[in-house]
Structure formats: structure tokens, C-alpha cells
């Protein structure tokens, strides 16, 4: 595993480090928007006195802290595979390039000693999962890997109720940042309540520290609502999601291809509004994640 010098130094000096996934670069956004968004997220983290660590697999080697050129390469390459827990040994053992999902990023971040991970939204239980058991590995990873994840809630294409039920079963605390209700990615809230409404980054840091001090394995999920001014109209976006899911099912798209297809189709049907919202919510999460990580570094 290759850890960049910047990240190694930060970890040694107890400076806050924020892990970032690479699936969003290779599969989540078109070029060059993907590069611009990835670099802007890193910039915000640095502006908040933390160190970003974008994670991927290059030629079979896990890399913690990509260079700008490596981000550019991932954004353009058509040979990158999507890597969750299941795919990591395949990519590493056969020397492939891999863009890490939430679960894949959590595993490598944990191995590198990184507590915090900022993303857009986590995977979860897909709609209709009671018939086909289509449930993201992200939920299982949150139940057992010691990384705190800051996001804007589960992706809006999912069944949020079942996703929360699984997180409860896995023992994952779902914390809302200044909200009683679970954010729904493109919109600031859903009808589902979070486990706890934390008012400050310090309060969240104390919850994470308590979990670590008492050796209660697993992640903490911090859900950060998209800013109201960036939020999409709930009915409009849900209608677009429903239409996209119907089309996906008609085309027979399944498995790891589902989420990239749906995000792309939703962006097309929303005339790019969903993509713009996606970028803004990630930037918002990067700022909150940095604030929490700095508080945690003070009290750990």
C-alpha cells in the first residue's frame, strides 16, 4: 500500500486526515467535471487545515493520497473497475486499476489509520430489495469497519426506510447534523428520523471518541443535509428517479452497474441539476468533515 508523504506526515503528527473515494471520479460524473469536483473537495479540506487522502487502486497497488495526475488518469481511463470489498482482492491480485466505493474506501482508510471519510451519499437497500436482496456492501462495512462517514444521507435512488433498518441491525449510529430527519441526498430531509441530532462538530467528535474508547467496532454515519438553496424539488426529483428506475429495469441493468446508470440518467432528465446538487453537497460535506476531524484531533 502506498501512502503519500503528505498523508504519512499528517498521520504521524496527529493532523486531521480526510479519506475520499474515487468511484465518483471514474463512475459518478462526466469528464472534466469529475476532476474539477475532486480537486475542489481536496481544496476545501486543505482550506480547513486538514489533509485530503483520495483513495484508489493503481496497477494493483492501493494508493492513499492520489496526485493530481493520478486523479486525471482515473477520470479519463476506461479500464478502471469499481471496487467494493468483494472486488479489492481481484484488483490487487491481478494488478488492475480500481476506483473505490464507500466500502472499498472504508477498508483502505482503516488500514491506513484514517478515521474520517467524506463522500456524497452511501449505498444501501435498493427499492425492491425485498424481492431481489439488492443491498449495498456499504451497510455491512459500516457495521464492522472503524471509519466515520460524513455524507448527505443514503443516495436518493434507495429505499431509505429499509436502509435505516439494516443500519440499526448492524449497530451503526446515524447522526444528523442539526437535523432530526434523515437527509435524502438531493433534498434536505426525508420522513425518517435519525438516531440523534448533534448540534456541533465537537458533539459529533465526542460520540465517535466514546465509540472508539469503548471498543465498539463499526462506523459512525454522520448525515449532513444539503443546503436548502441547493436542494432540488422533492416531487420533481422523485418523479425523475422513478422514471429512471423503470427504464433501468426495462434495460435489464443490474448489480454494480445500477448506481452509475441511475445517476447518469437522473442527471440527463434533470438537465444537469442533479449533478450540480451532487457537487454542492459533497463540498458541504467536506467542510463539515474537516470541522469534526479537527475537534476529534483535539480530544482523542
C-alpha atoms as a PDB file:
ATOM      1  CA  UNK A   1       0.000   0.000   0.000  1.00  0.00           C
ATOM      2  CA  UNK A   2       1.397   3.387  -0.988  1.00  0.00           C
ATOM      3  CA  UNK A   3       0.611   6.286   1.336  1.00  0.00           C
ATOM      4  CA  UNK A   4       1.552   9.734   0.101  1.00  0.00           C
ATOM      5  CA  UNK A   5       4.218  11.608   2.025  1.00  0.00           C
ATOM      6  CA  UNK A   6       1.713  14.342   2.900  1.00  0.00           C
ATOM      7  CA  UNK A   7      -0.713  11.830   4.411  1.00  0.00           C
ATOM      8  CA  UNK A   8       2.025   9.921   6.234  1.00  0.00           C
ATOM      9  CA  UNK A   9       3.314  13.115   7.824  1.00  0.00           C
ATOM     10  CA  UNK A  10      -0.178  14.201   8.863  1.00  0.00           C
ATOM     11  CA  UNK A  11      -0.952  10.855  10.490  1.00  0.00           C
ATOM     12  CA  UNK A  12       2.372  10.867  12.328  1.00  0.00           C
ATOM     13  CA  UNK A  13       1.776  14.417  13.610  1.00  0.00           C
ATOM     14  CA  UNK A  14      -1.870  13.732  14.601  1.00  0.00           C
ATOM     15  CA  UNK A  15      -3.089  16.199  11.990  1.00  0.00           C
ATOM     16  CA  UNK A  16      -6.629  15.511  10.720  1.00  0.00           C
ATOM     17  CA  UNK A  17      -6.805  13.424   7.544  1.00  0.00           C
ATOM     18  CA  UNK A  18      -9.959  13.019   5.450  1.00  0.00           C
ATOM     19  CA  UNK A  19     -10.325  10.000   3.156  1.00  0.00           C
ATOM     20  CA  UNK A  20     -12.110  10.475  -0.174  1.00  0.00           C
ATOM     21  CA  UNK A  21     -13.467   7.841  -2.535  1.00  0.00           C
ATOM     22  CA  UNK A  22     -12.581   7.523  -6.219  1.00  0.00           C
ATOM     23  CA  UNK A  23     -15.734   5.909  -7.628  1.00  0.00           C
ATOM     24  CA  UNK A  24     -17.200   9.368  -8.025  1.00  0.00           C
ATOM     25  CA  UNK A  25     -14.229  10.244 -10.252  1.00  0.00           C
ATOM     26  CA  UNK A  26     -14.427   7.175 -12.511  1.00  0.00           C
ATOM     27  CA  UNK A  27     -18.158   6.455 -12.462  1.00  0.00           C
ATOM     28  CA  UNK A  28     -20.101   9.280 -10.826  1.00  0.00           C
ATOM     29  CA  UNK A  29     -19.507  12.291 -13.052  1.00  0.00           C
ATOM     30  CA  UNK A  30     -18.552  13.088 -16.659  1.00  0.00           C
ATOM     31  CA  UNK A  31     -15.121  14.420 -17.607  1.00  0.00           C
ATOM     32  CA  UNK A  32     -13.861  17.079 -16.855  1.00  0.00           C
ATOM     33  CA  UNK A  33     -16.463  17.773 -14.144  1.00  0.00           C
ATOM     34  CA  UNK A  34     -15.186  14.762 -12.198  1.00  0.00           C
ATOM     35  CA  UNK A  35     -11.636  16.139 -11.996  1.00  0.00           C
ATOM     36  CA  UNK A  36     -12.802  19.646 -11.133  1.00  0.00           C
ATOM     37  CA  UNK A  37     -15.070  18.340  -8.350  1.00  0.00           C
ATOM     38  CA  UNK A  38     -12.384  16.029  -6.902  1.00  0.00           C
ATOM     39  CA  UNK A  39      -9.810  18.810  -6.772  1.00  0.00           C
ATOM     40  CA  UNK A  40     -12.304  21.292  -5.312  1.00  0.00           C
ATOM     41  CA  UNK A  41     -13.173  18.870  -2.488  1.00  0.00           C
ATOM     42  CA  UNK A  42      -9.471  18.460  -1.707  1.00  0.00           C
ATOM     43  CA  UNK A  43      -9.075  22.260  -1.769  1.00  0.00           C
ATOM     44  CA  UNK A  44     -11.870  22.782   0.768  1.00  0.00           C
ATOM     45  CA  UNK A  45     -10.343  20.181   3.086  1.00  0.00           C
ATOM     46  CA  UNK A  46      -6.959  21.898   2.894  1.00  0.00           C
ATOM     47  CA  UNK A  47      -8.533  25.331   3.447  1.00  0.00           C
ATOM     48  CA  UNK A  48      -9.943  23.913   6.675  1.00  0.00           C
ATOM     49  CA  UNK A  49      -6.476  22.801   7.836  1.00  0.00           C
ATOM     50  CA  UNK A  50      -6.934  19.105   7.160  1.00  0.00           C
ATOM     51  CA  UNK A  51      -5.215  16.762   4.717  1.00  0.00           C
ATOM     52  CA  UNK A  52      -7.203  15.055   1.929  1.00  0.00           C
ATOM     53  CA  UNK A  53      -6.448  11.443   1.012  1.00  0.00           C
ATOM     54  CA  UNK A  54      -8.184  10.374  -2.187  1.00  0.00           C
ATOM     55  CA  UNK A  55      -8.021   6.576  -2.371  1.00  0.00           C
ATOM     56  CA  UNK A  56      -7.835   4.204  -5.350  1.00  0.00           C
ATOM     57  CA  UNK A  57      -6.005   1.157  -6.688  1.00  0.00           C
ATOM     58  CA  UNK A  58      -3.438   1.715  -9.439  1.00  0.00           C
ATOM     59  CA  UNK A  59      -1.896  -1.279 -11.177  1.00  0.00           C
ATOM     60  CA  UNK A  60      -2.902  -3.449  -8.242  1.00  0.00           C
ATOM     61  CA  UNK A  61      -1.464  -1.137  -5.587  1.00  0.00           C
ATOM     62  CA  UNK A  62      -3.753   0.568  -3.057  1.00  0.00           C
ATOM     63  CA  UNK A  63      -2.888   4.266  -3.047  1.00  0.00           C
ATOM     64  CA  UNK A  64      -3.773   6.527  -0.127  1.00  0.00           C
ATOM     65  CA  UNK A  65      -3.483  10.104  -1.349  1.00  0.00           C
ATOM     66  CA  UNK A  66      -3.637  10.382  -5.144  1.00  0.00           C
ATOM     67  CA  UNK A  67      -1.658  13.015  -7.026  1.00  0.00           C
ATOM     68  CA  UNK A  68      -3.397  15.433  -9.387  1.00  0.00           C
ATOM     69  CA  UNK A  69      -2.066  13.451 -12.359  1.00  0.00           C
ATOM     70  CA  UNK A  70      -3.439  10.201 -10.895  1.00  0.00           C
ATOM     71  CA  UNK A  71      -6.862  11.786 -10.415  1.00  0.00           C
ATOM     72  CA  UNK A  72      -6.741  12.939 -14.033  1.00  0.00           C
ATOM     73  CA  UNK A  73      -5.793   9.423 -15.138  1.00  0.00           C
ATOM     74  CA  UNK A  74      -8.698   7.825 -13.255  1.00  0.00           C
ATOM     75  CA  UNK A  75     -11.094  10.405 -14.672  1.00  0.00           C
ATOM     76  CA  UNK A  76     -10.147   9.574 -18.269  1.00  0.00           C
ATOM     77  CA  UNK A  77      -9.366   5.852 -18.173  1.00  0.00           C
ATOM     78  CA  UNK A  78     -11.944   3.374 -19.469  1.00  0.00           C
ATOM     79  CA  UNK A  79     -10.179   0.399 -17.861  1.00  0.00           C
ATOM     80  CA  UNK A  80     -10.951   1.176 -14.224  1.00  0.00           C
ATOM     81  CA  UNK A  81     -13.126  -1.296 -12.316  1.00  0.00           C
ATOM     82  CA  UNK A  82     -15.483  -0.390  -9.483  1.00  0.00           C
ATOM     83  CA  UNK A  83     -14.085  -1.764  -6.223  1.00  0.00           C
ATOM     84  CA  UNK A  84     -16.104  -2.667  -3.164  1.00  0.00           C
ATOM     85  CA  UNK A  85     -14.925  -5.177  -0.517  1.00  0.00           C
ATOM     86  CA  UNK A  86     -15.582  -8.063  -2.928  1.00  0.00           C
ATOM     87  CA  UNK A  87     -13.513  -6.514  -5.716  1.00  0.00           C
ATOM     88  CA  UNK A  88     -10.437  -5.350  -3.776  1.00  0.00           C
ATOM     89  CA  UNK A  89      -8.563  -8.694  -3.858  1.00  0.00           C
ATOM     90  CA  UNK A  90      -9.348  -9.098  -7.569  1.00  0.00           C
ATOM     91  CA  UNK A  91      -7.987  -5.652  -8.433  1.00  0.00           C
ATOM     92  CA  UNK A  92      -4.930  -6.079  -6.207  1.00  0.00           C
ATOM     93  CA  UNK A  93      -4.181  -9.689  -7.130  1.00  0.00           C
ATOM     94  CA  UNK A  94      -4.464  -9.156 -10.892  1.00  0.00           C
ATOM     95  CA  UNK A  95      -2.874  -5.671 -10.940  1.00  0.00           C
ATOM     96  CA  UNK A  96      -5.913  -3.759 -12.182  1.00  0.00           C
ATOM     97  CA  UNK A  97      -6.876  -0.124 -11.728  1.00  0.00           C
ATOM     98  CA  UNK A  98      -9.776   0.277  -9.316  1.00  0.00           C
ATOM     99  CA  UNK A  99     -11.970   3.134  -8.175  1.00  0.00           C
ATOM    100  CA  UNK A 100     -13.065   2.502  -4.602  1.00  0.00           C
ATOM    101  CA  UNK A 101     -16.683   2.647  -3.471  1.00  0.00           C
ATOM    102  CA  UNK A 102     -17.730   3.600   0.062  1.00  0.00           C
ATOM    103  CA  UNK A 103     -16.988   0.105   1.369  1.00  0.00           C
ATOM    104  CA  UNK A 104     -13.689  -0.191  -0.506  1.00  0.00           C
ATOM    105  CA  UNK A 105     -12.581   3.244   0.652  1.00  0.00           C
ATOM    106  CA  UNK A 106     -13.515   2.481   4.259  1.00  0.00           C
ATOM    107  CA  UNK A 107     -11.387  -0.679   4.273  1.00  0.00           C
ATOM    108  CA  UNK A 108      -8.291   1.010   2.885  1.00  0.00           C
ATOM    109  CA  UNK A 109      -8.758   4.119   5.029  1.00  0.00           C
ATOM    110  CA  UNK A 110      -8.970   1.935   8.132  1.00  0.00           C
ATOM    111  CA  UNK A 111      -5.819   0.023   7.156  1.00  0.00           C
ATOM    112  CA  UNK A 112      -4.021   3.356   6.751  1.00  0.00           C
ATOM    113  CA  UNK A 113      -5.208   4.584  10.160  1.00  0.00           C
ATOM    114  CA  UNK A 114      -7.644   7.224   8.862  1.00  0.00           C
ATOM    115  CA  UNK A 115     -10.777   7.786  10.972  1.00  0.00           C
ATOM    116  CA  UNK A 116     -12.776  10.153   8.735  1.00  0.00           C
ATOM    117  CA  UNK A 117     -14.200   9.681   5.256  1.00  0.00           C
ATOM    118  CA  UNK A 118     -16.236  12.239   3.308  1.00  0.00           C
ATOM    119  CA  UNK A 119     -18.498  11.176   0.450  1.00  0.00           C
ATOM    120  CA  UNK A 120     -21.685  12.295  -1.292  1.00  0.00           C
ATOM    121  CA  UNK A 121     -24.091   9.558  -0.267  1.00  0.00           C
ATOM    122  CA  UNK A 122     -23.768   5.971   0.910  1.00  0.00           C
ATOM    123  CA  UNK A 123     -25.184   2.940  -0.831  1.00  0.00           C
ATOM    124  CA  UNK A 124     -27.959   0.984   0.831  1.00  0.00           C
ATOM    125  CA  UNK A 125     -31.056  -1.115   0.204  1.00  0.00           C
ATOM    126  CA  UNK A 126     -32.303  -0.662  -3.333  1.00  0.00           C
ATOM    127  CA  UNK A 127     -36.007  -0.261  -3.978  1.00  0.00           C
ATOM    128  CA  UNK A 128     -37.498  -3.711  -4.399  1.00  0.00           C
ATOM    129  CA  UNK A 129     -34.715  -5.343  -2.380  1.00  0.00           C
ATOM    130  CA  UNK A 130     -37.316  -7.440  -0.537  1.00  0.00           C
ATOM    131  CA  UNK A 131     -37.651  -9.361  -3.807  1.00  0.00           C
ATOM    132  CA  UNK A 132     -34.050  -9.460  -5.056  1.00  0.00           C
ATOM    133  CA  UNK A 133     -31.909  -8.775  -1.940  1.00  0.00           C
ATOM    134  CA  UNK A 134     -30.130  -5.932  -3.767  1.00  0.00           C
ATOM    135  CA  UNK A 135     -28.346  -4.344  -0.814  1.00  0.00           C
ATOM    136  CA  UNK A 136     -25.070  -2.427  -0.981  1.00  0.00           C
ATOM    137  CA  UNK A 137     -21.974  -3.765   0.766  1.00  0.00           C
ATOM    138  CA  UNK A 138     -21.624  -0.257   2.239  1.00  0.00           C
ATOM    139  CA  UNK A 139     -24.081  -1.133   5.007  1.00  0.00           C
ATOM    140  CA  UNK A 140     -22.196  -4.232   6.093  1.00  0.00           C
ATOM    141  CA  UNK A 141     -18.932  -2.263   6.042  1.00  0.00           C
ATOM    142  CA  UNK A 142     -20.413   0.437   8.255  1.00  0.00           C
ATOM    143  CA  UNK A 143     -21.311  -2.284  10.715  1.00  0.00           C
ATOM    144  CA  UNK A 144     -17.760  -3.557  11.160  1.00  0.00           C
ATOM    145  CA  UNK A 145     -15.107  -1.094   9.946  1.00  0.00           C
ATOM    146  CA  UNK A 146     -13.903   1.659  12.261  1.00  0.00           C
ATOM    147  CA  UNK A 147     -14.317   4.683   9.999  1.00  0.00           C
ATOM    148  CA  UNK A 148     -16.670   7.638  10.491  1.00  0.00           C
ATOM    149  CA  UNK A 149     -18.517   8.581   7.304  1.00  0.00           C
ATOM    150  CA  UNK A 150     -19.827  12.063   6.566  1.00  0.00           C
ATOM    151  CA  UNK A 151     -22.452  12.155   3.820  1.00  0.00           C
ATOM    152  CA  UNK A 152     -25.732  13.742   2.717  1.00  0.00           C
ATOM    153  CA  UNK A 153     -27.624  10.571   3.595  1.00  0.00           C
ATOM    154  CA  UNK A 154     -28.141   7.427   1.527  1.00  0.00           C
ATOM    155  CA  UNK A 155     -28.425   8.003  -2.215  1.00  0.00           C
ATOM    156  CA  UNK A 156     -31.941   9.106  -3.136  1.00  0.00           C
ATOM    157  CA  UNK A 157     -32.411   6.150  -5.506  1.00  0.00           C
ATOM    158  CA  UNK A 158     -32.599   3.798  -2.493  1.00  0.00           C
ATOM    159  CA  UNK A 159     -35.267   2.573  -0.091  1.00  0.00           C
ATOM    160  CA  UNK A 160     -34.396   4.831   2.836  1.00  0.00           C
ATOM    161  CA  UNK A 161     -36.615   3.059   5.370  1.00  0.00           C
ATOM    162  CA  UNK A 162     -35.114  -0.386   4.800  1.00  0.00           C
ATOM    163  CA  UNK A 163     -31.620   1.137   4.662  1.00  0.00           C
ATOM    164  CA  UNK A 164     -32.140   2.602   8.135  1.00  0.00           C
ATOM    165  CA  UNK A 165     -33.491  -0.703   9.458  1.00  0.00           C
ATOM    166  CA  UNK A 166     -30.358  -2.507   8.258  1.00  0.00           C
ATOM    167  CA  UNK A 167     -28.097   0.144   9.786  1.00  0.00           C
ATOM    168  CA  UNK A 168     -29.933  -0.350  13.087  1.00  0.00           C
ATOM    169  CA  UNK A 169     -29.392  -4.106  12.864  1.00  0.00           C
ATOM    170  CA  UNK A 170     -25.692  -3.521  12.174  1.00  0.00           C
ATOM    171  CA  UNK A 171     -25.439  -1.250  15.222  1.00  0.00           C
ATOM    172  CA  UNK A 172     -24.477   1.870  13.255  1.00  0.00           C
ATOM    173  CA  UNK A 173     -25.332   5.199  14.930  1.00  0.00           C
ATOM    174  CA  UNK A 174     -26.986   7.517  12.396  1.00  0.00           C
ATOM    175  CA  UNK A 175     -26.260  11.080  13.473  1.00  0.00           C
ATOM    176  CA  UNK A 176     -27.989  14.087  11.932  1.00  0.00           C
ATOM    177  CA  UNK A 177     -26.090  17.366  11.874  1.00  0.00           C
ATOM    178  CA  UNK A 178     -28.609  19.943  13.117  1.00  0.00           C
ATOM    179  CA  UNK A 179     -31.495  17.828  11.881  1.00  0.00           C
ATOM    180  CA  UNK A 180     -33.953  15.333  13.355  1.00  0.00           C
ATOM    181  CA  UNK A 181     -34.624  13.819   9.952  1.00  0.00           C
ATOM    182  CA  UNK A 182     -32.506  11.748   7.603  1.00  0.00           C
ATOM    183  CA  UNK A 183     -31.321  13.815   4.629  1.00  0.00           C
ATOM    184  CA  UNK A 184     -32.305  12.318   1.277  1.00  0.00           C
ATOM    185  CA  UNK A 185     -29.248  13.317  -0.760  1.00  0.00           C
ATOM    186  CA  UNK A 186     -30.757  15.785  -3.271  1.00  0.00           C
ATOM    187  CA  UNK A 187     -33.207  17.066  -0.648  1.00  0.00           C
ATOM    188  CA  UNK A 188     -32.506  18.160   2.903  1.00  0.00           C
ATOM    189  CA  UNK A 189     -34.813  15.740   4.692  1.00  0.00           C
ATOM    190  CA  UNK A 190     -36.962  12.645   4.402  1.00  0.00           C
ATOM    191  CA  UNK A 191     -39.811  11.346   6.564  1.00  0.00           C
ATOM    192  CA  UNK A 192     -37.385   9.149   8.530  1.00  0.00           C
ATOM    193  CA  UNK A 193     -35.786  10.209  11.806  1.00  0.00           C
ATOM    194  CA  UNK A 194     -32.090   9.911  12.641  1.00  0.00           C
ATOM    195  CA  UNK A 195     -30.881   8.405  15.912  1.00  0.00           C
ATOM    196  CA  UNK A 196     -29.536  11.671  17.285  1.00  0.00           C
ATOM    197  CA  UNK A 197     -29.468  15.345  16.326  1.00  0.00           C
ATOM    198  CA  UNK A 198     -25.959  16.683  17.001  1.00  0.00           C
ATOM    199  CA  UNK A 199     -25.677  20.457  17.132  1.00  0.00           C
ATOM    200  CA  UNK A 200     -21.899  20.938  16.802  1.00  0.00           C
ATOM    201  CA  UNK A 201     -18.850  19.228  15.267  1.00  0.00           C
ATOM    202  CA  UNK A 202     -17.442  18.813  18.795  1.00  0.00           C
ATOM    203  CA  UNK A 203     -20.538  16.896  19.888  1.00  0.00           C
ATOM    204  CA  UNK A 204     -20.088  14.519  16.961  1.00  0.00           C
ATOM    205  CA  UNK A 205     -16.379  14.119  17.758  1.00  0.00           C
ATOM    206  CA  UNK A 206     -17.263  13.152  21.345  1.00  0.00           C
ATOM    207  CA  UNK A 207     -19.698  10.479  20.108  1.00  0.00           C
ATOM    208  CA  UNK A 208     -17.013   8.990  17.853  1.00  0.00           C
ATOM    209  CA  UNK A 209     -14.446   9.077  20.653  1.00  0.00           C
ATOM    210  CA  UNK A 210     -16.840   7.272  23.004  1.00  0.00           C
ATOM    211  CA  UNK A 211     -17.351   4.530  20.416  1.00  0.00           C
ATOM    212  CA  UNK A 212     -13.606   4.113  19.944  1.00  0.00           C
ATOM    213  CA  UNK A 213     -12.750   4.325  23.655  1.00  0.00           C
ATOM    214  CA  UNK A 214     -15.175   1.534  24.478  1.00  0.00           C
ATOM    215  CA  UNK A 215     -14.003  -0.539  21.501  1.00  0.00           C
ATOM    216  CA  UNK A 216     -17.444  -0.777  19.911  1.00  0.00           C
ATOM    217  CA  UNK A 217     -16.398  -1.778  16.422  1.00  0.00           C
ATOM    218  CA  UNK A 218     -18.007  -0.274  13.351  1.00  0.00           C
ATOM    219  CA  UNK A 219     -18.567   3.058  11.721  1.00  0.00           C
ATOM    220  CA  UNK A 220     -20.498   6.159  12.655  1.00  0.00           C
ATOM    221  CA  UNK A 221     -22.717   7.664   9.956  1.00  0.00           C
ATOM    222  CA  UNK A 222     -22.932  11.456  10.073  1.00  0.00           C
ATOM    223  CA  UNK A 223     -25.663  12.787   7.795  1.00  0.00           C
ATOM    224  CA  UNK A 224     -25.360  16.401   6.689  1.00  0.00           C
ATOM    225  CA  UNK A 225     -28.348  17.936   4.869  1.00  0.00           C
ATOM    226  CA  UNK A 226     -27.740  19.626   1.546  1.00  0.00           C
ATOM    227  CA  UNK A 227     -28.114  23.406   1.888  1.00  0.00           C
ATOM    228  CA  UNK A 228     -31.693  24.499   1.259  1.00  0.00           C
ATOM    229  CA  UNK A 229     -30.644  26.802  -1.587  1.00  0.00           C
ATOM    230  CA  UNK A 230     -29.012  23.852  -3.361  1.00  0.00           C
ATOM    231  CA  UNK A 231     -31.801  21.356  -2.626  1.00  0.00           C
ATOM    232  CA  UNK A 232     -33.940  20.064  -5.503  1.00  0.00           C
ATOM    233  CA  UNK A 233     -37.724  19.981  -5.535  1.00  0.00           C
ATOM    234  CA  UNK A 234     -38.737  16.747  -3.793  1.00  0.00           C
ATOM    235  CA  UNK A 235     -41.598  15.743  -6.091  1.00  0.00           C
ATOM    236  CA  UNK A 236     -39.709  16.574  -9.269  1.00  0.00           C
ATOM    237  CA  UNK A 237     -36.589  14.631  -8.358  1.00  0.00           C
ATOM    238  CA  UNK A 238     -38.583  11.630  -7.078  1.00  0.00           C
ATOM    239  CA  UNK A 239     -40.558  11.508 -10.323  1.00  0.00           C
ATOM    240  CA  UNK A 240     -37.272  11.543 -12.255  1.00  0.00           C
ATOM    241  CA  UNK A 241     -35.853   8.772 -10.060  1.00  0.00           C
ATOM    242  CA  UNK A 242     -38.966   6.617 -10.549  1.00  0.00           C
ATOM    243  CA  UNK A 243     -38.793   7.077 -14.318  1.00  0.00           C
ATOM    244  CA  UNK A 244     -35.062   6.257 -14.347  1.00  0.00           C
ATOM    245  CA  UNK A 245     -35.572   3.064 -12.306  1.00  0.00           C
ATOM    246  CA  UNK A 246     -38.316   1.870 -14.670  1.00  0.00           C
ATOM    247  CA  UNK A 247     -36.058   2.441 -17.674  1.00  0.00           C
ATOM    248  CA  UNK A 248     -33.138   0.707 -15.938  1.00  0.00           C
ATOM    249  CA  UNK A 249     -35.284  -2.348 -15.193  1.00  0.00           C
ATOM    250  CA  UNK A 250     -36.549  -2.453 -18.772  1.00  0.00           C
ATOM    251  CA  UNK A 251     -32.944  -2.473 -19.989  1.00  0.00           C
ATOM    252  CA  UNK A 252     -32.059  -5.290 -17.572  1.00  0.00           C
ATOM    253  CA  UNK A 253     -29.267  -3.354 -15.870  1.00  0.00           C
ATOM    254  CA  UNK A 254     -28.290  -4.966 -12.561  1.00  0.00           C
ATOM    255  CA  UNK A 255     -25.602  -5.149  -9.860  1.00  0.00           C
ATOM    256  CA  UNK A 256     -22.743  -2.677  -9.717  1.00  0.00           C
ATOM    257  CA  UNK A 257     -23.907  -1.029 -12.971  1.00  0.00           C
ATOM    258  CA  UNK A 258     -27.163   0.190 -11.406  1.00  0.00           C
ATOM    259  CA  UNK A 259     -25.952   3.232  -9.476  1.00  0.00           C
ATOM    260  CA  UNK A 260     -23.747   4.724 -12.248  1.00  0.00           C
ATOM    261  CA  UNK A 261     -26.576   4.262 -14.755  1.00  0.00           C
ATOM    262  CA  UNK A 262     -29.179   5.850 -12.496  1.00  0.00           C
ATOM    263  CA  UNK A 263     -27.008   8.830 -11.554  1.00  0.00           C
ATOM    264  CA  UNK A 264     -26.269   9.462 -15.226  1.00  0.00           C
ATOM    265  CA  UNK A 265     -29.924   9.109 -16.267  1.00  0.00           C
ATOM    266  CA  UNK A 266     -31.126  11.341 -13.425  1.00  0.00           C
ATOM    267  CA  UNK A 267     -28.598  13.993 -14.467  1.00  0.00           C
ATOM    268  CA  UNK A 268     -29.870  13.777 -18.036  1.00  0.00           C
ATOM    269  CA  UNK A 269     -33.559  14.031 -17.096  1.00  0.00           C
ATOM    270  CA  UNK A 270     -32.941  16.869 -14.613  1.00  0.00           C
ATOM    271  CA  UNK A 271     -30.972  18.839 -17.232  1.00  0.00           C
ATOM    272  CA  UNK A 272     -27.858  18.647 -15.090  1.00  0.00           C
ATOM    273  CA  UNK A 273     -29.480  19.936 -11.893  1.00  0.00           C
ATOM    274  CA  UNK A 274     -28.871  16.690 -10.008  1.00  0.00           C
ATOM    275  CA  UNK A 275     -25.178  16.725 -10.954  1.00  0.00           C
ATOM    276  CA  UNK A 276     -24.830  20.300  -9.735  1.00  0.00           C
ATOM    277  CA  UNK A 277     -26.581  19.410  -6.466  1.00  0.00           C
ATOM    278  CA  UNK A 278     -24.321  16.358  -6.089  1.00  0.00           C
ATOM    279  CA  UNK A 279     -21.201  18.504  -6.333  1.00  0.00           C
ATOM    280  CA  UNK A 280     -22.502  21.113  -3.893  1.00  0.00           C
ATOM    281  CA  UNK A 281     -23.492  18.577  -1.258  1.00  0.00           C
ATOM    282  CA  UNK A 282     -20.075  16.897  -1.413  1.00  0.00           C
ATOM    283  CA  UNK A 283     -18.364  20.251  -0.902  1.00  0.00           C
ATOM    284  CA  UNK A 284     -20.693  20.904   2.029  1.00  0.00           C
ATOM    285  CA  UNK A 285     -19.802  17.509   3.498  1.00  0.00           C
ATOM    286  CA  UNK A 286     -16.076  18.174   3.056  1.00  0.00           C
ATOM    287  CA  UNK A 287     -16.329  21.289   5.195  1.00  0.00           C
ATOM    288  CA  UNK A 288     -18.276  19.541   7.964  1.00  0.00           C
ATOM    289  CA  UNK A 289     -15.989  16.508   7.890  1.00  0.00           C
ATOM    290  CA  UNK A 290     -12.975  18.767   8.328  1.00  0.00           C
ATOM    291  CA  UNK A 291     -14.546  20.561  11.288  1.00  0.00           C
ATOM    292  CA  UNK A 292     -15.360  17.253  13.014  1.00  0.00           C
ATOM    293  CA  UNK A 293     -11.904  15.810  12.320  1.00  0.00           C
ATOM    294  CA  UNK A 294     -10.217  18.879  13.830  1.00  0.00           C
ATOM    295  CA  UNK A 295     -12.307  18.607  17.001  1.00  0.00           C
ATOM    296  CA  UNK A 296     -11.557  14.896  17.236  1.00  0.00           C
ATOM    297  CA  UNK A 297      -7.818  15.519  16.927  1.00  0.00           C
ATOM    298  CA  UNK A 298      -8.011  17.806  19.961  1.00  0.00           C
ATOM    299  CA  UNK A 299      -9.791  15.322  22.235  1.00  0.00           C
ATOM    300  CA  UNK A 300      -8.575  11.879  21.154  1.00  0.00           C
END
